Amino acid sequence: MKVLLGIGGSDDSLTALEQTVERARAAGDDLTIAVLENPESDLTPDEVRTRAEGVLADADVDAEVRELTGDPGSQLLDVAESEGFDQIVLGGGQRSPMGKIKLGQIAEFVLLNSHVTVKLVRES
């Protein structure tokens, strides 16, 4: 499966990174990691890229890591659709105190506009 993982440095995107790399190692997925600009994250895109490369090295998984600039949701969808990805993976979906799911701006945009299957990875 050709998988595009979008990460912006939030805790849930780093959880998605670890789980998706593990799945790629076990299933032989063709993984591409897109580092997104996320104003809600304390990490810079360079720090996120370094983290992704470290997780890939630890798991002995070969994957492309690239940075996307501009509107993160739109850029992620453009890449997924133009390059024929089977799935987009994003971190997201924390529960509110009332038990309702809360999505970040990027995850919400991608879910509402993608023609490609989207998988949300939540933190435990």
PDB file of N, CA and C in Angstrom:
ATOM      1  N   MET A   1       0.842  -1.172   0.000  1.00  0.00           N
ATOM      2  CA  MET A   1       0.000   0.000   0.000  1.00  0.00           C
ATOM      3  C   MET A   1       0.892   1.240   0.000  1.00  0.00           C
ATOM      4  N   LYS A   2       0.511   2.218  -0.776  1.00  0.00           N
ATOM      5  CA  LYS A   2       1.249   3.470  -0.868  1.00  0.00           C
ATOM      6  C   LYS A   2       0.631   4.460   0.122  1.00  0.00           C
ATOM      7  N   VAL A   3       1.396   4.804   1.192  1.00  0.00           N
ATOM      8  CA  VAL A   3       0.878   5.568   2.322  1.00  0.00           C
ATOM      9  C   VAL A   3       1.597   6.904   2.430  1.00  0.00           C
ATOM     10  N   LEU A   4       0.805   7.959   2.628  1.00  0.00           N
ATOM     11  CA  LEU A   4       1.330   9.304   2.861  1.00  0.00           C
ATOM     12  C   LEU A   4       0.986   9.689   4.287  1.00  0.00           C
ATOM     13  N   LEU A   5       1.994   9.878   5.110  1.00  0.00           N
ATOM     14  CA  LEU A   5       1.819  10.279   6.504  1.00  0.00           C
ATOM     15  C   LEU A   5       2.114  11.763   6.631  1.00  0.00           C
ATOM     16  N   GLY A   6       1.145  12.514   7.124  1.00  0.00           N
ATOM     17  CA  GLY A   6       1.344  13.941   7.373  1.00  0.00           C
ATOM     18  C   GLY A   6       1.591  14.182   8.839  1.00  0.00           C
ATOM     19  N   ILE A   7       2.731  14.822   9.163  1.00  0.00           N
ATOM     20  CA  ILE A   7       3.035  15.123  10.559  1.00  0.00           C
ATOM     21  C   ILE A   7       3.426  16.580  10.706  1.00  0.00           C
ATOM     22  N   GLY A   8       2.940  17.190  11.782  1.00  0.00           N
ATOM     23  CA  GLY A   8       3.225  18.595  12.026  1.00  0.00           C
ATOM     24  C   GLY A   8       3.854  18.870  13.370  1.00  0.00           C
ATOM     25  N   GLY A   9       4.159  17.832  14.137  1.00  0.00           N
ATOM     26  CA  GLY A   9       4.853  18.020  15.401  1.00  0.00           C
ATOM     27  C   GLY A   9       3.978  17.934  16.638  1.00  0.00           C
ATOM     28  N   SER A  10       2.676  17.806  16.478  1.00  0.00           N
ATOM     29  CA  SER A  10       1.815  17.638  17.651  1.00  0.00           C
ATOM     30  C   SER A  10       2.044  16.246  18.237  1.00  0.00           C
ATOM     31  N   ASP A  11       1.639  16.060  19.490  1.00  0.00           N
ATOM     32  CA  ASP A  11       1.814  14.757  20.130  1.00  0.00           C
ATOM     33  C   ASP A  11       1.111  13.657  19.347  1.00  0.00           C
ATOM     34  N   ASP A  12      -0.106  13.956  18.865  1.00  0.00           N
ATOM     35  CA  ASP A  12      -0.835  12.917  18.138  1.00  0.00           C
ATOM     36  C   ASP A  12      -0.185  12.595  16.796  1.00  0.00           C
ATOM     37  N   SER A  13       0.456  13.586  16.158  1.00  0.00           N
ATOM     38  CA  SER A  13       1.127  13.276  14.885  1.00  0.00           C
ATOM     39  C   SER A  13       2.390  12.456  15.128  1.00  0.00           C
ATOM     40  N   LEU A  14       3.048  12.653  16.272  1.00  0.00           N
ATOM     41  CA  LEU A  14       4.227  11.849  16.581  1.00  0.00           C
ATOM     42  C   LEU A  14       3.829  10.417  16.930  1.00  0.00           C
ATOM     43  N   THR A  15       2.668  10.243  17.547  1.00  0.00           N
ATOM     44  CA  THR A  15       2.130   8.904  17.784  1.00  0.00           C
ATOM     45  C   THR A  15       1.829   8.234  16.446  1.00  0.00           C
ATOM     46  N   ALA A  16       1.213   8.985  15.524  1.00  0.00           N
ATOM     47  CA  ALA A  16       0.918   8.462  14.188  1.00  0.00           C
ATOM     48  C   ALA A  16       2.207   8.069  13.472  1.00  0.00           C
ATOM     49  N   LEU A  17       3.258   8.856  13.637  1.00  0.00           N
ATOM     50  CA  LEU A  17       4.558   8.549  13.038  1.00  0.00           C
ATOM     51  C   LEU A  17       5.044   7.182  13.501  1.00  0.00           C
ATOM     52  N   GLU A  18       5.076   6.969  14.798  1.00  0.00           N
ATOM     53  CA  GLU A  18       5.590   5.712  15.330  1.00  0.00           C
ATOM     54  C   GLU A  18       4.741   4.523  14.876  1.00  0.00           C
ATOM     55  N   GLN A  19       3.423   4.655  14.946  1.00  0.00           N
ATOM     56  CA  GLN A  19       2.553   3.545  14.565  1.00  0.00           C
ATOM     57  C   GLN A  19       2.616   3.253  13.065  1.00  0.00           C
ATOM     58  N   THR A  20       2.695   4.302  12.263  1.00  0.00           N
ATOM     59  CA  THR A  20       2.703   4.124  10.808  1.00  0.00           C
ATOM     60  C   THR A  20       4.026   3.538  10.336  1.00  0.00           C
ATOM     61  N   VAL A  21       5.127   3.954  10.937  1.00  0.00           N
ATOM     62  CA  VAL A  21       6.429   3.375  10.585  1.00  0.00           C
ATOM     63  C   VAL A  21       6.460   1.898  10.967  1.00  0.00           C
ATOM     64  N   GLU A  22       5.912   1.560  12.127  1.00  0.00           N
ATOM     65  CA  GLU A  22       5.866   0.158  12.545  1.00  0.00           C
ATOM     66  C   GLU A  22       5.020  -0.661  11.572  1.00  0.00           C
ATOM     67  N   ARG A  23       3.884  -0.115  11.153  1.00  0.00           N
ATOM     68  CA  ARG A  23       3.023  -0.815  10.193  1.00  0.00           C
ATOM     69  C   ARG A  23       3.751  -0.988   8.854  1.00  0.00           C
ATOM     70  N   ALA A  24       4.445   0.065   8.410  1.00  0.00           N
ATOM     71  CA  ALA A  24       5.177  -0.015   7.139  1.00  0.00           C
ATOM     72  C   ALA A  24       6.250  -1.098   7.206  1.00  0.00           C
ATOM     73  N   ARG A  25       6.920  -1.192   8.350  1.00  0.00           N
ATOM     74  CA  ARG A  25       7.952  -2.220   8.515  1.00  0.00           C
ATOM     75  C   ARG A  25       7.330  -3.614   8.449  1.00  0.00           C
ATOM     76  N   ALA A  26       6.213  -3.804   9.134  1.00  0.00           N
ATOM     77  CA  ALA A  26       5.577  -5.123   9.199  1.00  0.00           C
ATOM     78  C   ALA A  26       4.883  -5.507   7.890  1.00  0.00           C
ATOM     79  N   ALA A  27       4.252  -4.536   7.232  1.00  0.00           N
ATOM     80  CA  ALA A  27       3.430  -4.843   6.048  1.00  0.00           C
ATOM     81  C   ALA A  27       4.133  -4.568   4.724  1.00  0.00           C
ATOM     82  N   GLY A  28       5.284  -3.912   4.786  1.00  0.00           N
ATOM     83  CA  GLY A  28       5.984  -3.585   3.549  1.00  0.00           C
ATOM     84  C   GLY A  28       5.360  -2.434   2.777  1.00  0.00           C
ATOM     85  N   ASP A  29       4.649  -1.549   3.491  1.00  0.00           N
ATOM     86  CA  ASP A  29       4.041  -0.388   2.834  1.00  0.00           C
ATOM     87  C   ASP A  29       5.102   0.522   2.241  1.00  0.00           C
ATOM     88  N   ASP A  30       4.747   1.187   1.150  1.00  0.00           N
ATOM     89  CA  ASP A  30       5.576   2.213   0.531  1.00  0.00           C
ATOM     90  C   ASP A  30       5.205   3.517   1.223  1.00  0.00           C
ATOM     91  N   LEU A  31       6.054   3.980   2.141  1.00  0.00           N
ATOM     92  CA  LEU A  31       5.741   5.113   3.012  1.00  0.00           C
ATOM     93  C   LEU A  31       6.465   6.378   2.578  1.00  0.00           C
ATOM     94  N   THR A  32       5.719   7.473   2.544  1.00  0.00           N
ATOM     95  CA  THR A  32       6.275   8.812   2.368  1.00  0.00           C
ATOM     96  C   THR A  32       5.792   9.644   3.542  1.00  0.00           C
ATOM     97  N   ILE A  33       6.701  10.381   4.156  1.00  0.00           N
ATOM     98  CA  ILE A  33       6.355  11.238   5.290  1.00  0.00           C
ATOM     99  C   ILE A  33       6.424  12.685   4.839  1.00  0.00           C
ATOM    100  N   ALA A  34       5.308  13.384   5.023  1.00  0.00           N
ATOM    101  CA  ALA A  34       5.231  14.805   4.676  1.00  0.00           C
ATOM    102  C   ALA A  34       5.242  15.620   5.959  1.00  0.00           C
ATOM    103  N   VAL A  35       6.276  16.429   6.130  1.00  0.00           N
ATOM    104  CA  VAL A  35       6.375  17.317   7.287  1.00  0.00           C
ATOM    105  C   VAL A  35       5.616  18.590   6.941  1.00  0.00           C
ATOM    106  N   LEU A  36       4.629  18.903   7.781  1.00  0.00           N
ATOM    107  CA  LEU A  36       3.731  20.026   7.525  1.00  0.00           C
ATOM    108  C   LEU A  36       4.014  21.183   8.471  1.00  0.00           C
ATOM    109  N   GLU A  37       3.757  22.376   8.015  1.00  0.00           N
ATOM    110  CA  GLU A  37       3.832  23.542   8.891  1.00  0.00           C
ATOM    111  C   GLU A  37       2.598  23.526   9.784  1.00  0.00           C
ATOM    112  N   ASN A  38       2.816  23.500  11.091  1.00  0.00           N
ATOM    113  CA  ASN A  38       1.707  23.454  12.031  1.00  0.00           C
ATOM    114  C   ASN A  38       1.898  24.544  13.081  1.00  0.00           C
ATOM    115  N   PRO A  39       1.126  25.630  12.994  1.00  0.00           N
ATOM    116  CA  PRO A  39       1.290  26.728  13.948  1.00  0.00           C
ATOM    117  C   PRO A  39       0.930  26.333  15.377  1.00  0.00           C
ATOM    118  N   GLU A  40       0.231  25.213  15.553  1.00  0.00           N
ATOM    119  CA  GLU A  40      -0.161  24.769  16.885  1.00  0.00           C
ATOM    120  C   GLU A  40       0.930  23.932  17.561  1.00  0.00           C
ATOM    121  N   SER A  41       2.034  23.649  16.865  1.00  0.00           N
ATOM    122  CA  SER A  41       3.103  22.811  17.402  1.00  0.00           C
ATOM    123  C   SER A  41       4.251  23.670  17.923  1.00  0.00           C
ATOM    124  N   ASP A  42       4.899  23.173  18.975  1.00  0.00           N
ATOM    125  CA  ASP A  42       6.085  23.840  19.517  1.00  0.00           C
ATOM    126  C   ASP A  42       7.339  23.476  18.741  1.00  0.00           C
ATOM    127  N   LEU A  43       7.262  22.423  17.913  1.00  0.00           N
ATOM    128  CA  LEU A  43       8.417  21.968  17.148  1.00  0.00           C
ATOM    129  C   LEU A  43       8.474  22.656  15.785  1.00  0.00           C
ATOM    130  N   THR A  44       9.683  22.964  15.341  1.00  0.00           N
ATOM    131  CA  THR A  44       9.865  23.518  14.003  1.00  0.00           C
ATOM    132  C   THR A  44       9.811  22.370  12.990  1.00  0.00           C
ATOM    133  N   PRO A  45       9.556  22.686  11.722  1.00  0.00           N
ATOM    134  CA  PRO A  45       9.589  21.622  10.709  1.00  0.00           C
ATOM    135  C   PRO A  45      10.918  20.860  10.676  1.00  0.00           C
ATOM    136  N   ASP A  46      12.038  21.545  10.917  1.00  0.00           N
ATOM    137  CA  ASP A  46      13.341  20.858  10.943  1.00  0.00           C
ATOM    138  C   ASP A  46      13.413  19.856  12.097  1.00  0.00           C
ATOM    139  N   GLU A  47      12.874  20.238  13.254  1.00  0.00           N
ATOM    140  CA  GLU A  47      12.864  19.330  14.403  1.00  0.00           C
ATOM    141  C   GLU A  47      11.963  18.121  14.133  1.00  0.00           C
ATOM    142  N   VAL A  48      10.833  18.360  13.476  1.00  0.00           N
ATOM    143  CA  VAL A  48       9.921  17.265  13.135  1.00  0.00           C
ATOM    144  C   VAL A  48      10.595  16.320  12.143  1.00  0.00           C
ATOM    145  N   ARG A  49      11.276  16.889  11.159  1.00  0.00           N
ATOM    146  CA  ARG A  49      11.990  16.066  10.160  1.00  0.00           C
ATOM    147  C   ARG A  49      13.057  15.202  10.830  1.00  0.00           C
ATOM    148  N   THR A  50      13.812  15.795  11.736  1.00  0.00           N
ATOM    149  CA  THR A  50      14.850  15.058  12.458  1.00  0.00           C
ATOM    150  C   THR A  50      14.236  13.924  13.262  1.00  0.00           C
ATOM    151  N   ARG A  51      13.108  14.192  13.907  1.00  0.00           N
ATOM    152  CA  ARG A  51      12.404  13.159  14.687  1.00  0.00           C
ATOM    153  C   ARG A  51      11.953  12.023  13.778  1.00  0.00           C
ATOM    154  N   ALA A  52      11.386  12.369  12.621  1.00  0.00           N
ATOM    155  CA  ALA A  52      10.918  11.352  11.672  1.00  0.00           C
ATOM    156  C   ALA A  52      12.081  10.499  11.178  1.00  0.00           C
ATOM    157  N   GLU A  53      13.173  11.122  10.826  1.00  0.00           N
ATOM    158  CA  GLU A  53      14.333  10.383  10.338  1.00  0.00           C
ATOM    159  C   GLU A  53      14.887   9.448  11.411  1.00  0.00           C
ATOM    160  N   GLY A  54      14.830   9.877  12.671  1.00  0.00           N
ATOM    161  CA  GLY A  54      15.278   9.027  13.775  1.00  0.00           C
ATOM    162  C   GLY A  54      14.395   7.806  13.955  1.00  0.00           C
ATOM    163  N   VAL A  55      13.083   7.997  13.895  1.00  0.00           N
ATOM    164  CA  VAL A  55      12.142   6.871  14.021  1.00  0.00           C
ATOM    165  C   VAL A  55      12.348   5.891  12.866  1.00  0.00           C
ATOM    166  N   LEU A  56      12.538   6.407  11.654  1.00  0.00           N
ATOM    167  CA  LEU A  56      12.776   5.540  10.499  1.00  0.00           C
ATOM    168  C   LEU A  56      14.064   4.738  10.664  1.00  0.00           C
ATOM    169  N   ALA A  57      15.117   5.401  11.127  1.00  0.00           N
ATOM    170  CA  ALA A  57      16.399   4.718  11.319  1.00  0.00           C
ATOM    171  C   ALA A  57      16.284   3.633  12.391  1.00  0.00           C
ATOM    172  N   ASP A  58      15.617   3.948  13.502  1.00  0.00           N
ATOM    173  CA  ASP A  58      15.459   2.966  14.582  1.00  0.00           C
ATOM    174  C   ASP A  58      14.688   1.734  14.118  1.00  0.00           C
ATOM    175  N   ALA A  59      13.710   1.938  13.234  1.00  0.00           N
ATOM    176  CA  ALA A  59      12.887   0.831  12.742  1.00  0.00           C
ATOM    177  C   ALA A  59      13.487   0.172  11.501  1.00  0.00           C
ATOM    178  N   ASP A  60      14.579   0.731  10.988  1.00  0.00           N
ATOM    179  CA  ASP A  60      15.217   0.239   9.768  1.00  0.00           C
ATOM    180  C   ASP A  60      14.227   0.217   8.597  1.00  0.00           C
ATOM    181  N   VAL A  61      13.507   1.346   8.446  1.00  0.00           N
ATOM    182  CA  VAL A  61      12.539   1.514   7.355  1.00  0.00           C
ATOM    183  C   VAL A  61      13.050   2.595   6.430  1.00  0.00           C
ATOM    184  N   ASP A  62      13.014   2.313   5.138  1.00  0.00           N
ATOM    185  CA  ASP A  62      13.434   3.285   4.133  1.00  0.00           C
ATOM    186  C   ASP A  62      12.194   4.013   3.629  1.00  0.00           C
ATOM    187  N   ALA A  63      12.128   5.313   3.857  1.00  0.00           N
ATOM    188  CA  ALA A  63      10.986   6.112   3.409  1.00  0.00           C
ATOM    189  C   ALA A  63      11.471   7.506   3.064  1.00  0.00           C
ATOM    190  N   GLU A  64      10.770   8.122   2.137  1.00  0.00           N
ATOM    191  CA  GLU A  64      11.076   9.502   1.777  1.00  0.00           C
ATOM    192  C   GLU A  64      10.466  10.426   2.819  1.00  0.00           C
ATOM    193  N   VAL A  65      11.249  11.429   3.244  1.00  0.00           N
ATOM    194  CA  VAL A  65      10.745  12.467   4.139  1.00  0.00           C
ATOM    195  C   VAL A  65      10.869  13.775   3.384  1.00  0.00           C
ATOM    196  N   ARG A  66       9.741  14.461   3.226  1.00  0.00           N
ATOM    197  CA  ARG A  66       9.772  15.745   2.513  1.00  0.00           C
ATOM    198  C   ARG A  66       8.965  16.782   3.281  1.00  0.00           C
ATOM    199  N   GLU A  67       9.338  18.033   3.085  1.00  0.00           N
ATOM    200  CA  GLU A  67       8.616  19.126   3.734  1.00  0.00           C
ATOM    201  C   GLU A  67       7.664  19.762   2.731  1.00  0.00           C
ATOM    202  N   LEU A  68       6.440  20.001   3.173  1.00  0.00           N
ATOM    203  CA  LEU A  68       5.449  20.688   2.344  1.00  0.00           C
ATOM    204  C   LEU A  68       5.248  22.091   2.894  1.00  0.00           C
ATOM    205  N   THR A  69       5.275  23.070   2.015  1.00  0.00           N
ATOM    206  CA  THR A  69       5.068  24.445   2.443  1.00  0.00           C
ATOM    207  C   THR A  69       3.730  24.946   1.917  1.00  0.00           C
ATOM    208  N   GLY A  70       3.233  25.975   2.528  1.00  0.00           N
ATOM    209  CA  GLY A  70       1.934  26.502   2.154  1.00  0.00           C
ATOM    210  C   GLY A  70       0.862  25.914   3.044  1.00  0.00           C
ATOM    211  N   ASP A  71      -0.384  26.006   2.600  1.00  0.00           N
ATOM    212  CA  ASP A  71      -1.492  25.476   3.386  1.00  0.00           C
ATOM    213  C   ASP A  71      -1.322  23.965   3.548  1.00  0.00           C
ATOM    214  N   PRO A  72      -1.161  23.473   4.787  1.00  0.00           N
ATOM    215  CA  PRO A  72      -0.832  22.057   4.973  1.00  0.00           C
ATOM    216  C   PRO A  72      -1.891  21.092   4.452  1.00  0.00           C
ATOM    217  N   GLY A  73      -3.163  21.360   4.717  1.00  0.00           N
ATOM    218  CA  GLY A  73      -4.215  20.456   4.257  1.00  0.00           C
ATOM    219  C   GLY A  73      -4.267  20.366   2.746  1.00  0.00           C
ATOM    220  N   SER A  74      -4.243  21.517   2.089  1.00  0.00           N
ATOM    221  CA  SER A  74      -4.292  21.547   0.624  1.00  0.00           C
ATOM    222  C   SER A  74      -3.074  20.870   0.010  1.00  0.00           C
ATOM    223  N   GLN A  75      -1.907  21.140   0.558  1.00  0.00           N
ATOM    224  CA  GLN A  75      -0.685  20.542   0.027  1.00  0.00           C
ATOM    225  C   GLN A  75      -0.701  19.026   0.179  1.00  0.00           C
ATOM    226  N   LEU A  76      -1.171  18.544   1.327  1.00  0.00           N
ATOM    227  CA  LEU A  76      -1.238  17.112   1.564  1.00  0.00           C
ATOM    228  C   LEU A  76      -2.180  16.433   0.574  1.00  0.00           C
ATOM    229  N   LEU A  77      -3.327  17.043   0.348  1.00  0.00           N
ATOM    230  CA  LEU A  77      -4.280  16.481  -0.619  1.00  0.00           C
ATOM    231  C   LEU A  77      -3.733  16.510  -2.034  1.00  0.00           C
ATOM    232  N   ASP A  78      -3.072  17.604  -2.406  1.00  0.00           N
ATOM    233  CA  ASP A  78      -2.489  17.694  -3.745  1.00  0.00           C
ATOM    234  C   ASP A  78      -1.484  16.564  -3.984  1.00  0.00           C
ATOM    235  N   VAL A  79      -0.605  16.338  -3.017  1.00  0.00           N
ATOM    236  CA  VAL A  79       0.406  15.286  -3.154  1.00  0.00           C
ATOM    237  C   VAL A  79      -0.262  13.916  -3.215  1.00  0.00           C
ATOM    238  N   ALA A  80      -1.203  13.659  -2.308  1.00  0.00           N
ATOM    239  CA  ALA A  80      -1.859  12.349  -2.252  1.00  0.00           C
ATOM    240  C   ALA A  80      -2.566  12.013  -3.556  1.00  0.00           C
ATOM    241  N   GLU A  81      -3.269  12.987  -4.090  1.00  0.00           N
ATOM    242  CA  GLU A  81      -4.049  12.726  -5.300  1.00  0.00           C
ATOM    243  C   GLU A  81      -3.185  12.713  -6.559  1.00  0.00           C
ATOM    244  N   SER A  82      -2.217  13.614  -6.648  1.00  0.00           N
ATOM    245  CA  SER A  82      -1.406  13.681  -7.870  1.00  0.00           C
ATOM    246  C   SER A  82      -0.398  12.541  -7.965  1.00  0.00           C
ATOM    247  N   GLU A  83      -0.010  11.968  -6.818  1.00  0.00           N
ATOM    248  CA  GLU A  83       0.993  10.907  -6.836  1.00  0.00           C
ATOM    249  C   GLU A  83       0.408   9.521  -6.572  1.00  0.00           C
ATOM    250  N   GLY A  84      -0.916   9.419  -6.542  1.00  0.00           N
ATOM    251  CA  GLY A  84      -1.571   8.118  -6.467  1.00  0.00           C
ATOM    252  C   GLY A  84      -1.424   7.370  -5.152  1.00  0.00           C
ATOM    253  N   PHE A  85      -1.454   8.072  -4.040  1.00  0.00           N
ATOM    254  CA  PHE A  85      -1.385   7.398  -2.748  1.00  0.00           C
ATOM    255  C   PHE A  85      -2.702   6.679  -2.469  1.00  0.00           C
ATOM    256  N   ASP A  86      -2.606   5.537  -1.774  1.00  0.00           N
ATOM    257  CA  ASP A  86      -3.788   4.763  -1.396  1.00  0.00           C
ATOM    258  C   ASP A  86      -4.410   5.266  -0.100  1.00  0.00           C
ATOM    259  N   GLN A  87      -3.584   5.872   0.752  1.00  0.00           N
ATOM    260  CA  GLN A  87      -4.064   6.273   2.068  1.00  0.00           C
ATOM    261  C   GLN A  87      -3.262   7.458   2.592  1.00  0.00           C
ATOM    262  N   ILE A  88      -3.973   8.358   3.285  1.00  0.00           N
ATOM    263  CA  ILE A  88      -3.343   9.446   4.030  1.00  0.00           C
ATOM    264  C   ILE A  88      -3.504   9.099   5.505  1.00  0.00           C
ATOM    265  N   VAL A  89      -2.425   9.222   6.265  1.00  0.00           N
ATOM    266  CA  VAL A  89      -2.487   8.983   7.706  1.00  0.00           C
ATOM    267  C   VAL A  89      -2.162  10.288   8.422  1.00  0.00           C
ATOM    268  N   LEU A  90      -2.988  10.616   9.412  1.00  0.00           N
ATOM    269  CA  LEU A  90      -2.806  11.811  10.228  1.00  0.00           C
ATOM    270  C   LEU A  90      -3.048  11.470  11.687  1.00  0.00           C
ATOM    271  N   GLY A  91      -2.386  12.202  12.563  1.00  0.00           N
ATOM    272  CA  GLY A  91      -2.717  12.113  13.977  1.00  0.00           C
ATOM    273  C   GLY A  91      -3.892  13.038  14.239  1.00  0.00           C
ATOM    274  N   GLY A  92      -4.708  12.683  15.203  1.00  0.00           N
ATOM    275  CA  GLY A  92      -5.807  13.582  15.548  1.00  0.00           C
ATOM    276  C   GLY A  92      -6.956  12.875  16.206  1.00  0.00           C
ATOM    277  N   GLY A  93      -7.866  13.681  16.654  1.00  0.00           N
ATOM    278  CA  GLY A  93      -9.080  13.146  17.215  1.00  0.00           C
ATOM    279  C   GLY A  93      -9.062  12.961  18.714  1.00  0.00           C
ATOM    280  N   GLN A  94      -8.668  13.995  19.467  1.00  0.00           N
ATOM    281  CA  GLN A  94      -8.779  13.906  20.915  1.00  0.00           C
ATOM    282  C   GLN A  94     -10.241  14.025  21.323  1.00  0.00           C
ATOM    283  N   ARG A  95     -10.552  13.478  22.472  1.00  0.00           N
ATOM    284  CA  ARG A  95     -11.917  13.576  22.994  1.00  0.00           C
ATOM    285  C   ARG A  95     -12.036  14.794  23.900  1.00  0.00           C
ATOM    286  N   SER A  96     -13.157  15.498  23.757  1.00  0.00           N
ATOM    287  CA  SER A  96     -13.465  16.622  24.642  1.00  0.00           C
ATOM    288  C   SER A  96     -13.951  16.070  25.976  1.00  0.00           C
ATOM    289  N   PRO A  97     -14.044  16.908  27.010  1.00  0.00           N
ATOM    290  CA  PRO A  97     -14.582  16.434  28.288  1.00  0.00           C
ATOM    291  C   PRO A  97     -16.001  15.857  28.164  1.00  0.00           C
ATOM    292  N   MET A  98     -16.735  16.268  27.152  1.00  0.00           N
ATOM    293  CA  MET A  98     -18.090  15.767  26.926  1.00  0.00           C
ATOM    294  C   MET A  98     -18.092  14.466  26.112  1.00  0.00           C
ATOM    295  N   GLY A  99     -16.910  13.982  25.710  1.00  0.00           N
ATOM    296  CA  GLY A  99     -16.803  12.726  24.980  1.00  0.00           C
ATOM    297  C   GLY A  99     -16.898  12.862  23.474  1.00  0.00           C
ATOM    298  N   LYS A 100     -16.964  14.080  22.980  1.00  0.00           N
ATOM    299  CA  LYS A 100     -17.034  14.280  21.528  1.00  0.00           C
ATOM    300  C   LYS A 100     -15.626  14.388  20.974  1.00  0.00           C
ATOM    301  N   ILE A 101     -15.478  13.940  19.732  1.00  0.00           N
ATOM    302  CA  ILE A 101     -14.164  13.999  19.098  1.00  0.00           C
ATOM    303  C   ILE A 101     -13.881  15.426  18.641  1.00  0.00           C
ATOM    304  N   LYS A 102     -12.657  15.872  18.895  1.00  0.00           N
ATOM    305  CA  LYS A 102     -12.211  17.198  18.467  1.00  0.00           C
ATOM    306  C   LYS A 102     -11.074  17.008  17.474  1.00  0.00           C
ATOM    307  N   LEU A 103     -11.219  17.621  16.308  1.00  0.00           N
ATOM    308  CA  LEU A 103     -10.201  17.513  15.267  1.00  0.00           C
ATOM    309  C   LEU A 103      -9.448  18.821  15.132  1.00  0.00           C
ATOM    310  N   GLY A 104      -8.169  18.723  14.819  1.00  0.00           N
ATOM    311  CA  GLY A 104      -7.401  19.903  14.487  1.00  0.00           C
ATOM    312  C   GLY A 104      -7.801  20.407  13.107  1.00  0.00           C
ATOM    313  N   GLN A 105      -7.365  21.617  12.775  1.00  0.00           N
ATOM    314  CA  GLN A 105      -7.734  22.230  11.492  1.00  0.00           C
ATOM    315  C   GLN A 105      -7.277  21.397  10.302  1.00  0.00           C
ATOM    316  N   ILE A 106      -6.060  20.889  10.354  1.00  0.00           N
ATOM    317  CA  ILE A 106      -5.518  20.136   9.228  1.00  0.00           C
ATOM    318  C   ILE A 106      -6.304  18.844   9.033  1.00  0.00           C
ATOM    319  N   ALA A 107      -6.500  18.096  10.124  1.00  0.00           N
ATOM    320  CA  ALA A 107      -7.221  16.818  10.032  1.00  0.00           C
ATOM    321  C   ALA A 107      -8.646  17.039   9.529  1.00  0.00           C
ATOM    322  N   GLU A 108      -9.309  18.057  10.036  1.00  0.00           N
ATOM    323  CA  GLU A 108     -10.682  18.324   9.611  1.00  0.00           C
ATOM    324  C   GLU A 108     -10.739  18.641   8.122  1.00  0.00           C
ATOM    325  N   PHE A 109      -9.829  19.489   7.641  1.00  0.00           N
ATOM    326  CA  PHE A 109      -9.809  19.849   6.220  1.00  0.00           C
ATOM    327  C   PHE A 109      -9.572  18.617   5.352  1.00  0.00           C
ATOM    328  N   VAL A 110      -8.594  17.801   5.732  1.00  0.00           N
ATOM    329  CA  VAL A 110      -8.270  16.616   4.936  1.00  0.00           C
ATOM    330  C   VAL A 110      -9.447  15.640   4.926  1.00  0.00           C
ATOM    331  N   LEU A 111     -10.044  15.396   6.081  1.00  0.00           N
ATOM    332  CA  LEU A 111     -11.189  14.474   6.144  1.00  0.00           C
ATOM    333  C   LEU A 111     -12.349  14.940   5.279  1.00  0.00           C
ATOM    334  N   LEU A 112     -12.609  16.229   5.274  1.00  0.00           N
ATOM    335  CA  LEU A 112     -13.752  16.756   4.530  1.00  0.00           C
ATOM    336  C   LEU A 112     -13.510  16.854   3.031  1.00  0.00           C
ATOM    337  N   ASN A 113     -12.256  16.887   2.610  1.00  0.00           N
ATOM    338  CA  ASN A 113     -11.966  17.157   1.205  1.00  0.00           C
ATOM    339  C   ASN A 113     -11.221  16.059   0.452  1.00  0.00           C
ATOM    340  N   SER A 114     -10.788  15.016   1.128  1.00  0.00           N
ATOM    341  CA  SER A 114      -9.968  13.999   0.476  1.00  0.00           C
ATOM    342  C   SER A 114     -10.794  13.024  -0.348  1.00  0.00           C
ATOM    343  N   HIS A 115     -10.244  12.667  -1.504  1.00  0.00           N
ATOM    344  CA  HIS A 115     -10.799  11.599  -2.330  1.00  0.00           C
ATOM    345  C   HIS A 115     -10.025  10.300  -2.085  1.00  0.00           C
ATOM    346  N   VAL A 116      -9.040  10.381  -1.196  1.00  0.00           N
ATOM    347  CA  VAL A 116      -8.204   9.250  -0.824  1.00  0.00           C
ATOM    348  C   VAL A 116      -8.616   8.827   0.590  1.00  0.00           C
ATOM    349  N   THR A 117      -8.535   7.538   0.902  1.00  0.00           N
ATOM    350  CA  THR A 117      -8.859   7.059   2.247  1.00  0.00           C
ATOM    351  C   THR A 117      -7.978   7.763   3.276  1.00  0.00           C
ATOM    352  N   VAL A 118      -8.585   8.185   4.394  1.00  0.00           N
ATOM    353  CA  VAL A 118      -7.862   8.874   5.456  1.00  0.00           C
ATOM    354  C   VAL A 118      -7.958   8.050   6.735  1.00  0.00           C
ATOM    355  N   LYS A 119      -6.822   7.855   7.373  1.00  0.00           N
ATOM    356  CA  LYS A 119      -6.772   7.140   8.647  1.00  0.00           C
ATOM    357  C   LYS A 119      -6.318   8.125   9.721  1.00  0.00           C
ATOM    358  N   LEU A 120      -7.108   8.242  10.798  1.00  0.00           N
ATOM    359  CA  LEU A 120      -6.739   9.076  11.930  1.00  0.00           C
ATOM    360  C   LEU A 120      -6.171   8.190  13.035  1.00  0.00           C
ATOM    361  N   VAL A 121      -5.041   8.571  13.572  1.00  0.00           N
ATOM    362  CA  VAL A 121      -4.422   7.843  14.670  1.00  0.00           C
ATOM    363  C   VAL A 121      -4.553   8.720  15.912  1.00  0.00           C
ATOM    364  N   ARG A 122      -5.227   8.173  16.916  1.00  0.00           N
ATOM    365  CA  ARG A 122      -5.435   8.924  18.165  1.00  0.00           C
ATOM    366  C   ARG A 122      -4.416   8.488  19.194  1.00  0.00           C
ATOM    367  N   GLU A 123      -4.097   9.426  20.078  1.00  0.00           N
ATOM    368  CA  GLU A 123      -3.246   9.081  21.221  1.00  0.00           C
ATOM    369  C   GLU A 123      -4.050   8.233  22.181  1.00  0.00           C
ATOM    370  N   SER A 124      -3.386   7.322  22.861  1.00  0.00           N
ATOM    371  CA  SER A 124      -4.080   6.474  23.833  1.00  0.00           C
ATOM    372  C   SER A 124      -4.361   7.239  25.095  1.00  0.00           C
TER     373      SER A 124
END
